[in-house]
């Protein structure tokens, strides 16, 4: 048998994949400057029992210089798609050749409105390239998220207490004590 701690494993994943304590990119009210540094993967999920859909990617958050996972709303994805298809701002690779300014009005509400604007083309520094290279790939990130969701599903409702006879469908009235 192998000793295993779900808590320690989850803490390690939080640190390694920037999953915990808000270490993912979260849109703030107003302007948010980022550089898209990975492909975007479809990421269906669930929130409060309802299905949701976002695009999972890695971005370089210009506010603190860290690469973070971003659960990108479809409207932002469509804005980036429009830039990619445009004559003036087209690009074929990630990291993108320029930063994006994402503006949010009503951030944190269902009525939020987004705008996606390109910034001037700017080469990444050697330090930024190293930070991006050291970050997990978006594929690794998505697999880790799926693994953690599976662990949560499998461990929900698990108790340290042994099951009682009534939990196993056994009626104590049917047991003879003679």
N, C-alpha and C. Protein backbone atom coordinates (compact mmCIF):
# COMPACT_ATOMS: atom_id res chain seq x y z
N UNK A 1 0.83 -1.19 0.00
CA UNK A 1 0.00 0.00 0.00
C UNK A 1 0.87 1.24 0.00
N UNK A 2 0.33 2.29 -0.60
CA UNK A 2 1.06 3.54 -0.71
C UNK A 2 0.35 4.62 0.08
N UNK A 3 1.10 5.31 0.91
CA UNK A 3 0.54 6.41 1.68
C UNK A 3 0.26 7.58 0.75
N UNK A 4 -0.92 8.19 0.88
CA UNK A 4 -1.30 9.28 -0.01
C UNK A 4 -2.17 10.27 0.74
N UNK A 5 -1.86 11.55 0.59
CA UNK A 5 -2.63 12.61 1.23
C UNK A 5 -3.29 13.47 0.15
N UNK A 6 -4.61 13.46 0.12
CA UNK A 6 -5.34 14.27 -0.85
C UNK A 6 -5.09 15.76 -0.59
N UNK A 7 -5.01 16.14 0.67
CA UNK A 7 -4.77 17.54 1.02
C UNK A 7 -3.41 18.02 0.50
N UNK A 8 -2.38 17.23 0.75
CA UNK A 8 -1.04 17.60 0.29
C UNK A 8 -0.98 17.63 -1.23
N UNK A 9 -1.63 16.66 -1.87
CA UNK A 9 -1.66 16.60 -3.33
C UNK A 9 -2.35 17.84 -3.91
N UNK A 10 -3.45 18.24 -3.30
CA UNK A 10 -4.19 19.41 -3.79
C UNK A 10 -3.37 20.68 -3.58
N UNK A 11 -2.71 20.81 -2.41
CA UNK A 11 -1.88 21.98 -2.16
C UNK A 11 -0.75 22.08 -3.18
N UNK A 12 -0.16 20.95 -3.51
CA UNK A 12 0.91 20.92 -4.50
C UNK A 12 0.37 21.37 -5.87
N UNK A 13 -0.80 20.89 -6.24
CA UNK A 13 -1.42 21.28 -7.52
C UNK A 13 -1.74 22.76 -7.53
N UNK A 14 -2.21 23.28 -6.40
CA UNK A 14 -2.52 24.72 -6.32
C UNK A 14 -1.28 25.55 -6.62
N UNK A 15 -0.14 25.16 -6.02
CA UNK A 15 1.09 25.90 -6.23
C UNK A 15 1.62 25.70 -7.64
N UNK A 16 1.67 24.46 -8.08
CA UNK A 16 2.27 24.14 -9.38
C UNK A 16 1.46 24.68 -10.55
N UNK A 17 0.13 24.69 -10.41
CA UNK A 17 -0.73 25.09 -11.52
C UNK A 17 -1.51 26.36 -11.24
N UNK A 18 -1.12 27.11 -10.22
CA UNK A 18 -1.76 28.39 -9.90
C UNK A 18 -3.27 28.27 -9.76
N UNK A 19 -3.74 27.23 -9.06
CA UNK A 19 -5.17 27.01 -8.94
C UNK A 19 -5.77 27.62 -7.68
N UNK A 20 -4.98 27.81 -6.68
CA UNK A 20 -5.56 28.21 -5.40
C UNK A 20 -5.44 29.69 -5.11
N UNK A 21 -6.24 30.13 -4.18
CA UNK A 21 -6.16 31.47 -3.62
C UNK A 21 -6.08 32.57 -4.69
N UNK A 22 -6.93 32.45 -5.70
CA UNK A 22 -7.00 33.51 -6.69
C UNK A 22 -5.80 33.63 -7.60
N UNK A 23 -5.00 32.60 -7.73
CA UNK A 23 -3.81 32.67 -8.56
C UNK A 23 -4.14 32.48 -10.04
N UNK A 24 -5.40 32.55 -10.39
CA UNK A 24 -5.77 32.54 -11.80
C UNK A 24 -6.10 33.98 -12.17
N UNK A 25 -6.14 34.26 -13.47
CA UNK A 25 -6.43 35.61 -13.91
C UNK A 25 -7.92 35.86 -13.79
N UNK A 26 -8.27 36.88 -13.06
CA UNK A 26 -9.66 37.25 -12.86
C UNK A 26 -9.84 38.68 -13.31
N UNK A 27 -10.83 38.89 -14.18
CA UNK A 27 -11.09 40.22 -14.70
C UNK A 27 -11.52 41.15 -13.56
N UNK A 28 -10.94 42.33 -13.57
CA UNK A 28 -11.31 43.38 -12.61
C UNK A 28 -12.09 44.45 -13.35
N UNK A 29 -12.82 45.23 -12.63
CA UNK A 29 -13.54 46.36 -13.21
C UNK A 29 -12.53 47.29 -13.89
N UNK A 30 -12.83 47.73 -15.09
CA UNK A 30 -11.94 48.62 -15.81
C UNK A 30 -11.00 47.87 -16.73
N UNK A 31 -9.80 48.44 -16.93
CA UNK A 31 -8.84 47.89 -17.88
C UNK A 31 -7.97 46.81 -17.25
N UNK A 32 -7.76 45.72 -18.00
CA UNK A 32 -6.92 44.61 -17.60
C UNK A 32 -5.99 44.32 -18.77
N UNK A 33 -4.69 44.39 -18.54
CA UNK A 33 -3.74 44.18 -19.63
C UNK A 33 -3.09 42.81 -19.49
N UNK A 34 -3.14 42.04 -20.59
CA UNK A 34 -2.60 40.68 -20.59
C UNK A 34 -1.88 40.41 -21.91
N UNK A 35 -1.14 39.31 -21.93
CA UNK A 35 -0.60 38.75 -23.17
C UNK A 35 -1.06 37.30 -23.20
N UNK A 36 -1.75 36.90 -24.24
CA UNK A 36 -2.17 35.51 -24.41
C UNK A 36 -0.93 34.71 -24.79
N UNK A 37 -0.59 33.68 -23.97
CA UNK A 37 0.66 32.94 -24.19
C UNK A 37 0.44 31.46 -24.50
N UNK A 38 -0.81 31.04 -24.67
CA UNK A 38 -1.08 29.63 -24.98
C UNK A 38 -2.29 29.54 -25.90
N UNK A 39 -2.48 28.37 -26.49
CA UNK A 39 -3.75 28.15 -27.20
C UNK A 39 -4.90 28.18 -26.18
N UNK A 40 -6.11 28.31 -26.68
CA UNK A 40 -7.31 28.28 -25.82
C UNK A 40 -7.99 26.92 -26.01
N UNK A 41 -8.26 26.23 -24.90
CA UNK A 41 -8.91 24.93 -24.94
C UNK A 41 -10.35 25.05 -24.47
N UNK A 42 -11.27 24.34 -25.12
CA UNK A 42 -12.65 24.34 -24.63
C UNK A 42 -12.69 23.80 -23.20
N UNK A 43 -13.46 24.46 -22.34
CA UNK A 43 -13.51 24.03 -20.94
C UNK A 43 -14.94 24.11 -20.40
N UNK A 44 -15.75 23.07 -20.74
CA UNK A 44 -17.09 23.04 -20.15
C UNK A 44 -16.98 22.74 -18.66
N UNK A 45 -17.87 23.31 -17.89
CA UNK A 45 -17.84 23.12 -16.45
C UNK A 45 -19.25 23.25 -15.91
N UNK A 46 -19.32 23.43 -14.61
CA UNK A 46 -20.62 23.57 -13.94
C UNK A 46 -20.47 24.61 -12.85
N UNK A 47 -21.47 25.48 -12.71
CA UNK A 47 -21.47 26.48 -11.65
C UNK A 47 -22.86 26.49 -11.03
N UNK A 48 -22.91 26.21 -9.73
CA UNK A 48 -24.17 26.14 -9.00
C UNK A 48 -25.18 25.22 -9.69
N UNK A 49 -24.67 24.07 -10.16
CA UNK A 49 -25.53 23.07 -10.77
C UNK A 49 -25.92 23.34 -12.21
N UNK A 50 -25.43 24.42 -12.79
CA UNK A 50 -25.77 24.75 -14.18
C UNK A 50 -24.53 24.63 -15.05
N UNK A 51 -24.69 24.08 -16.26
CA UNK A 51 -23.52 23.97 -17.15
C UNK A 51 -23.03 25.34 -17.60
N UNK A 52 -21.71 25.47 -17.68
CA UNK A 52 -21.09 26.70 -18.16
C UNK A 52 -20.05 26.34 -19.22
N UNK A 53 -19.61 27.32 -19.96
CA UNK A 53 -18.56 27.09 -20.95
C UNK A 53 -17.62 28.28 -20.96
N UNK A 54 -16.35 28.00 -20.85
CA UNK A 54 -15.29 29.01 -20.95
C UNK A 54 -14.18 28.42 -21.82
N UNK A 55 -13.23 29.25 -22.17
CA UNK A 55 -12.02 28.82 -22.85
C UNK A 55 -10.88 28.90 -21.85
N UNK A 56 -10.15 27.81 -21.67
CA UNK A 56 -9.03 27.79 -20.73
C UNK A 56 -7.74 28.10 -21.49
N UNK A 57 -6.99 29.06 -20.96
CA UNK A 57 -5.72 29.42 -21.57
C UNK A 57 -4.78 29.95 -20.49
N UNK A 58 -3.56 30.22 -20.88
CA UNK A 58 -2.58 30.83 -19.99
C UNK A 58 -2.34 32.25 -20.50
N UNK A 59 -2.29 33.20 -19.57
CA UNK A 59 -2.01 34.59 -19.93
C UNK A 59 -0.90 35.13 -19.03
N UNK A 60 -0.16 36.08 -19.57
CA UNK A 60 0.81 36.82 -18.78
C UNK A 60 0.08 38.06 -18.28
N UNK A 61 -0.15 38.10 -16.98
CA UNK A 61 -0.86 39.22 -16.36
C UNK A 61 0.12 40.37 -16.21
N UNK A 62 -0.12 41.45 -16.91
CA UNK A 62 0.79 42.59 -16.88
C UNK A 62 0.76 43.32 -15.54
N UNK A 63 -0.25 43.08 -14.73
CA UNK A 63 -0.33 43.74 -13.42
C UNK A 63 0.78 43.26 -12.49
N UNK A 64 1.13 41.96 -12.59
CA UNK A 64 2.16 41.43 -11.68
C UNK A 64 3.23 40.60 -12.38
N UNK A 65 3.14 40.46 -13.71
CA UNK A 65 4.18 39.75 -14.47
C UNK A 65 4.14 38.24 -14.34
N UNK A 66 3.03 37.68 -13.83
CA UNK A 66 2.93 36.22 -13.64
C UNK A 66 2.07 35.58 -14.74
N UNK A 67 2.42 34.35 -15.10
CA UNK A 67 1.59 33.57 -16.01
C UNK A 67 0.50 32.93 -15.16
N UNK A 68 -0.75 33.10 -15.62
CA UNK A 68 -1.89 32.60 -14.84
C UNK A 68 -2.90 31.93 -15.76
N UNK A 69 -3.59 30.93 -15.22
CA UNK A 69 -4.71 30.36 -15.98
C UNK A 69 -5.82 31.40 -16.10
N UNK A 70 -6.50 31.39 -17.24
CA UNK A 70 -7.61 32.31 -17.47
C UNK A 70 -8.77 31.51 -18.03
N UNK A 71 -9.90 31.54 -17.33
CA UNK A 71 -11.12 30.93 -17.81
C UNK A 71 -11.85 32.01 -18.60
N UNK A 72 -11.53 32.06 -19.89
CA UNK A 72 -11.93 33.15 -20.77
C UNK A 72 -13.38 33.03 -21.22
N UNK A 73 -14.17 34.09 -21.02
CA UNK A 73 -15.54 34.09 -21.53
C UNK A 73 -15.55 34.04 -23.07
N UNK A 74 -16.59 33.47 -23.62
CA UNK A 74 -16.72 33.31 -25.06
C UNK A 74 -16.64 34.66 -25.78
N UNK A 75 -17.23 35.70 -25.22
CA UNK A 75 -17.23 37.01 -25.87
C UNK A 75 -15.81 37.56 -26.04
N UNK A 76 -14.93 37.31 -25.08
CA UNK A 76 -13.53 37.73 -25.20
C UNK A 76 -12.83 36.90 -26.27
N UNK A 77 -13.09 35.59 -26.27
CA UNK A 77 -12.52 34.70 -27.28
C UNK A 77 -12.89 35.19 -28.68
N UNK A 78 -14.16 35.55 -28.87
CA UNK A 78 -14.63 36.03 -30.18
C UNK A 78 -13.95 37.34 -30.55
N UNK A 79 -13.67 38.19 -29.57
CA UNK A 79 -12.95 39.43 -29.83
C UNK A 79 -11.52 39.17 -30.29
N UNK A 80 -10.86 38.19 -29.68
CA UNK A 80 -9.49 37.83 -30.07
C UNK A 80 -9.52 37.19 -31.46
N UNK A 81 -10.53 36.37 -31.70
CA UNK A 81 -10.68 35.76 -33.03
C UNK A 81 -10.81 36.84 -34.11
N UNK A 82 -11.59 37.88 -33.83
CA UNK A 82 -11.76 38.97 -34.80
C UNK A 82 -10.42 39.68 -35.06
N UNK A 83 -9.61 39.87 -34.01
CA UNK A 83 -8.30 40.47 -34.20
C UNK A 83 -7.41 39.58 -35.07
N UNK A 84 -7.43 38.27 -34.81
CA UNK A 84 -6.61 37.34 -35.56
C UNK A 84 -6.97 37.36 -37.05
N UNK A 85 -8.23 37.53 -37.36
CA UNK A 85 -8.69 37.52 -38.74
C UNK A 85 -8.56 38.87 -39.44
N UNK A 86 -8.23 39.91 -38.67
CA UNK A 86 -8.15 41.26 -39.25
C UNK A 86 -6.85 41.45 -40.03
N UNK A 87 -6.88 42.38 -40.99
CA UNK A 87 -5.69 42.71 -41.77
C UNK A 87 -4.63 43.41 -40.92
N UNK A 88 -5.06 44.25 -40.00
CA UNK A 88 -4.12 45.05 -39.22
C UNK A 88 -3.52 44.33 -38.01
N UNK A 89 -4.27 43.40 -37.42
CA UNK A 89 -3.83 42.78 -36.17
C UNK A 89 -3.72 41.26 -36.24
N UNK A 90 -3.75 40.71 -37.45
CA UNK A 90 -3.68 39.26 -37.62
C UNK A 90 -2.42 38.67 -37.01
N UNK A 91 -2.52 37.47 -36.52
CA UNK A 91 -1.38 36.74 -35.95
C UNK A 91 -1.66 35.25 -36.13
N UNK A 92 -0.62 34.44 -36.06
CA UNK A 92 -0.78 33.00 -36.27
C UNK A 92 -0.26 32.16 -35.12
N UNK A 93 0.49 32.76 -34.21
CA UNK A 93 1.12 31.97 -33.14
C UNK A 93 0.83 32.58 -31.77
N UNK A 94 0.98 31.75 -30.76
CA UNK A 94 0.97 32.22 -29.38
C UNK A 94 2.32 31.86 -28.78
N UNK A 95 2.87 32.67 -27.93
CA UNK A 95 2.35 33.93 -27.44
C UNK A 95 2.06 34.89 -28.59
N UNK A 96 1.00 35.69 -28.37
CA UNK A 96 0.61 36.70 -29.34
C UNK A 96 1.74 37.73 -29.47
N UNK A 97 1.82 38.43 -30.61
CA UNK A 97 2.88 39.43 -30.79
C UNK A 97 2.59 40.77 -30.09
N UNK A 98 1.45 40.87 -29.44
CA UNK A 98 1.09 42.11 -28.75
C UNK A 98 0.19 41.80 -27.55
N UNK A 99 0.12 42.76 -26.64
CA UNK A 99 -0.74 42.63 -25.47
C UNK A 99 -2.18 42.94 -25.85
N UNK A 100 -3.09 42.56 -24.98
CA UNK A 100 -4.50 42.88 -25.12
C UNK A 100 -4.93 43.71 -23.92
N UNK A 101 -5.80 44.66 -24.17
CA UNK A 101 -6.42 45.42 -23.09
C UNK A 101 -7.87 44.94 -23.05
N UNK A 102 -8.21 44.25 -21.98
CA UNK A 102 -9.57 43.75 -21.78
C UNK A 102 -10.26 44.68 -20.79
N UNK A 103 -11.35 45.26 -21.22
CA UNK A 103 -12.09 46.18 -20.35
C UNK A 103 -13.37 45.50 -19.90
N UNK A 104 -13.64 45.59 -18.60
CA UNK A 104 -14.86 45.01 -18.02
C UNK A 104 -15.68 46.10 -17.36
N UNK A 105 -16.95 46.14 -17.71
CA UNK A 105 -17.91 47.02 -17.02
C UNK A 105 -18.91 46.12 -16.33
N UNK A 106 -19.00 46.24 -15.02
CA UNK A 106 -19.89 45.37 -14.25
C UNK A 106 -19.23 44.04 -13.93
N UNK A 107 -17.90 44.03 -13.76
CA UNK A 107 -17.17 42.79 -13.46
C UNK A 107 -17.77 42.11 -12.23
N UNK A 108 -17.89 40.80 -12.30
CA UNK A 108 -18.43 40.03 -11.19
C UNK A 108 -19.94 39.91 -11.20
N UNK A 109 -20.59 40.45 -12.24
CA UNK A 109 -22.05 40.33 -12.34
C UNK A 109 -22.41 39.60 -13.63
N UNK A 110 -23.66 39.16 -13.71
CA UNK A 110 -24.14 38.50 -14.94
C UNK A 110 -24.25 39.49 -16.09
N UNK A 111 -24.38 40.76 -15.79
CA UNK A 111 -24.57 41.79 -16.80
C UNK A 111 -23.25 42.39 -17.28
N UNK A 112 -22.12 41.78 -16.96
CA UNK A 112 -20.82 42.32 -17.33
C UNK A 112 -20.72 42.50 -18.84
N UNK A 113 -20.08 43.58 -19.23
CA UNK A 113 -19.81 43.88 -20.65
C UNK A 113 -18.30 43.94 -20.83
N UNK A 114 -17.82 43.31 -21.90
CA UNK A 114 -16.38 43.26 -22.17
C UNK A 114 -16.04 43.96 -23.47
N UNK A 115 -14.84 44.51 -23.52
CA UNK A 115 -14.27 45.04 -24.75
C UNK A 115 -12.85 44.49 -24.87
N UNK A 116 -12.44 44.17 -26.09
CA UNK A 116 -11.11 43.61 -26.36
C UNK A 116 -10.40 44.54 -27.34
N UNK A 117 -9.28 45.11 -26.89
CA UNK A 117 -8.51 46.01 -27.74
C UNK A 117 -7.06 45.56 -27.82
N UNK A 118 -6.45 45.69 -28.99
CA UNK A 118 -5.03 45.35 -29.10
C UNK A 118 -4.17 46.48 -28.58
N UNK A 119 -3.00 46.14 -28.11
CA UNK A 119 -2.02 47.13 -27.68
C UNK A 119 -0.94 47.16 -28.77
N UNK A 120 0.01 48.08 -28.66
CA UNK A 120 1.10 48.13 -29.65
C UNK A 120 1.90 46.84 -29.60
N UNK A 121 2.38 46.43 -30.78
CA UNK A 121 3.21 45.22 -30.83
C UNK A 121 4.48 45.45 -30.02
N UNK A 122 4.81 44.44 -29.21
CA UNK A 122 5.95 44.58 -28.31
C UNK A 122 6.55 43.20 -28.11
N UNK A 123 7.86 43.08 -28.29
CA UNK A 123 8.53 41.80 -28.08
C UNK A 123 8.56 41.47 -26.60
N UNK A 124 8.46 40.18 -26.29
CA UNK A 124 8.59 39.74 -24.91
C UNK A 124 10.06 39.82 -24.52
N UNK A 125 10.33 40.13 -23.26
CA UNK A 125 11.70 40.17 -22.77
C UNK A 125 12.20 38.75 -22.56
N UNK A 126 13.50 38.61 -22.39
CA UNK A 126 14.07 37.29 -22.08
C UNK A 126 13.48 36.74 -20.78
N UNK A 127 13.32 37.61 -19.79
CA UNK A 127 12.76 37.20 -18.50
C UNK A 127 11.31 36.72 -18.67
N UNK A 128 10.52 37.44 -19.46
CA UNK A 128 9.13 37.05 -19.69
C UNK A 128 9.06 35.71 -20.44
N UNK A 129 9.93 35.54 -21.42
CA UNK A 129 9.98 34.26 -22.14
C UNK A 129 10.32 33.11 -21.20
N UNK A 130 11.20 33.35 -20.25
CA UNK A 130 11.58 32.32 -19.28
C UNK A 130 10.40 31.99 -18.35
N UNK A 131 9.68 33.01 -17.91
CA UNK A 131 8.51 32.81 -17.05
C UNK A 131 7.47 31.96 -17.79
N UNK A 132 7.26 32.28 -19.07
CA UNK A 132 6.29 31.52 -19.88
C UNK A 132 6.77 30.08 -20.06
N UNK A 133 8.05 29.89 -20.34
CA UNK A 133 8.60 28.54 -20.55
C UNK A 133 8.49 27.69 -19.29
N UNK A 134 8.61 28.31 -18.11
CA UNK A 134 8.54 27.57 -16.85
C UNK A 134 7.11 27.27 -16.40
N UNK A 135 6.14 27.91 -17.00
CA UNK A 135 4.74 27.68 -16.63
C UNK A 135 4.26 26.36 -17.24
N UNK A 136 3.30 25.70 -16.59
CA UNK A 136 2.75 24.48 -17.19
C UNK A 136 2.03 24.81 -18.49
N UNK A 137 1.99 23.84 -19.39
CA UNK A 137 1.24 24.07 -20.63
C UNK A 137 -0.25 24.10 -20.28
N UNK A 138 -1.02 24.66 -21.16
CA UNK A 138 -2.47 24.72 -20.93
C UNK A 138 -3.07 23.31 -20.93
N UNK A 139 -2.46 22.40 -21.70
CA UNK A 139 -2.93 21.01 -21.71
C UNK A 139 -2.67 20.34 -20.36
N UNK A 140 -1.49 20.58 -19.79
CA UNK A 140 -1.18 20.04 -18.46
C UNK A 140 -2.13 20.63 -17.42
N UNK A 141 -2.36 21.91 -17.53
CA UNK A 141 -3.25 22.59 -16.60
C UNK A 141 -4.66 22.01 -16.67
N UNK A 142 -5.19 21.85 -17.88
CA UNK A 142 -6.55 21.31 -18.01
C UNK A 142 -6.63 19.87 -17.48
N UNK A 143 -5.62 19.06 -17.73
CA UNK A 143 -5.63 17.69 -17.23
C UNK A 143 -5.61 17.68 -15.70
N UNK A 144 -4.82 18.56 -15.10
CA UNK A 144 -4.76 18.63 -13.63
C UNK A 144 -6.11 19.07 -13.06
N UNK A 145 -6.76 20.02 -13.72
CA UNK A 145 -8.08 20.47 -13.27
C UNK A 145 -9.07 19.32 -13.34
N UNK A 146 -9.06 18.57 -14.46
CA UNK A 146 -9.96 17.42 -14.61
C UNK A 146 -9.68 16.37 -13.55
N UNK A 147 -8.39 16.12 -13.27
CA UNK A 147 -8.04 15.13 -12.24
C UNK A 147 -8.54 15.58 -10.88
N UNK A 148 -8.39 16.86 -10.55
CA UNK A 148 -8.86 17.37 -9.26
C UNK A 148 -10.38 17.33 -9.16
N UNK A 149 -11.08 17.60 -10.27
CA UNK A 149 -12.54 17.51 -10.27
C UNK A 149 -12.98 16.07 -10.06
N UNK A 150 -12.27 15.13 -10.68
CA UNK A 150 -12.59 13.71 -10.52
C UNK A 150 -12.37 13.27 -9.08
N UNK A 151 -11.27 13.72 -8.48
CA UNK A 151 -10.99 13.38 -7.08
C UNK A 151 -12.10 13.93 -6.19
N UNK A 152 -12.51 15.18 -6.43
CA UNK A 152 -13.58 15.77 -5.62
C UNK A 152 -14.87 14.97 -5.77
N UNK A 153 -15.21 14.59 -7.01
CA UNK A 153 -16.43 13.81 -7.24
C UNK A 153 -16.36 12.48 -6.50
N UNK A 154 -15.20 11.84 -6.57
CA UNK A 154 -15.05 10.52 -5.96
C UNK A 154 -15.03 10.57 -4.44
N UNK A 155 -14.60 11.70 -3.88
CA UNK A 155 -14.49 11.77 -2.42
C UNK A 155 -15.66 12.47 -1.75
N UNK A 156 -16.56 13.07 -2.54
CA UNK A 156 -17.72 13.72 -1.92
C UNK A 156 -18.57 12.69 -1.21
N UNK A 157 -18.94 13.01 0.00
CA UNK A 157 -19.82 12.13 0.77
C UNK A 157 -19.10 10.97 1.43
N UNK A 158 -17.78 10.88 1.24
CA UNK A 158 -17.05 9.80 1.89
C UNK A 158 -16.82 10.17 3.34
N UNK A 159 -17.09 9.24 4.22
CA UNK A 159 -16.96 9.48 5.65
C UNK A 159 -15.92 8.53 6.22
N UNK A 160 -15.29 8.94 7.31
CA UNK A 160 -14.35 8.06 8.00
C UNK A 160 -15.08 7.01 8.82
N UNK A 161 -16.38 7.21 9.07
CA UNK A 161 -17.15 6.28 9.87
C UNK A 161 -17.53 5.07 9.04
N UNK A 162 -17.47 3.85 9.63
CA UNK A 162 -17.91 2.68 8.88
C UNK A 162 -19.41 2.76 8.67
N UNK A 163 -19.91 2.19 7.55
CA UNK A 163 -21.35 2.26 7.30
C UNK A 163 -22.13 1.49 8.36
N UNK A 164 -23.24 2.05 8.73
CA UNK A 164 -24.13 1.40 9.68
C UNK A 164 -25.01 0.41 8.92
N UNK A 165 -25.56 -0.61 9.60
CA UNK A 165 -26.38 -1.61 8.91
C UNK A 165 -27.51 -0.98 8.10
N UNK A 166 -28.16 0.06 8.62
CA UNK A 166 -29.27 0.65 7.86
C UNK A 166 -28.77 1.34 6.59
N UNK A 167 -27.48 1.75 6.58
CA UNK A 167 -26.91 2.36 5.38
C UNK A 167 -26.70 1.32 4.28
N UNK A 168 -26.65 0.07 4.63
CA UNK A 168 -26.41 -0.99 3.67
C UNK A 168 -27.71 -1.69 3.26
N UNK A 169 -28.83 -1.14 3.64
CA UNK A 169 -30.10 -1.73 3.26
C UNK A 169 -30.51 -2.89 4.15
N UNK A 170 -29.86 -3.07 5.28
CA UNK A 170 -30.20 -4.15 6.21
C UNK A 170 -31.13 -3.59 7.26
N UNK A 171 -32.23 -4.25 7.47
CA UNK A 171 -33.18 -3.83 8.50
C UNK A 171 -32.83 -4.56 9.79
N UNK A 172 -32.59 -3.80 10.86
CA UNK A 172 -32.22 -4.42 12.13
C UNK A 172 -33.36 -5.27 12.68
N UNK A 173 -34.62 -5.02 12.25
CA UNK A 173 -35.74 -5.83 12.70
C UNK A 173 -35.66 -7.25 12.17
N UNK A 174 -34.94 -7.45 11.06
CA UNK A 174 -34.84 -8.75 10.42
C UNK A 174 -33.76 -9.63 11.04
N UNK A 175 -32.96 -9.07 11.96
CA UNK A 175 -31.85 -9.83 12.53
C UNK A 175 -32.32 -10.53 13.79
N UNK A 176 -32.02 -11.82 13.83
CA UNK A 176 -32.39 -12.63 15.00
C UNK A 176 -31.26 -12.55 16.01
N UNK A 177 -31.61 -12.26 17.28
CA UNK A 177 -30.60 -12.14 18.33
C UNK A 177 -30.65 -13.33 19.28
N UNK A 178 -31.12 -14.47 18.83
CA UNK A 178 -31.22 -15.67 19.67
C UNK A 178 -29.97 -16.47 19.66
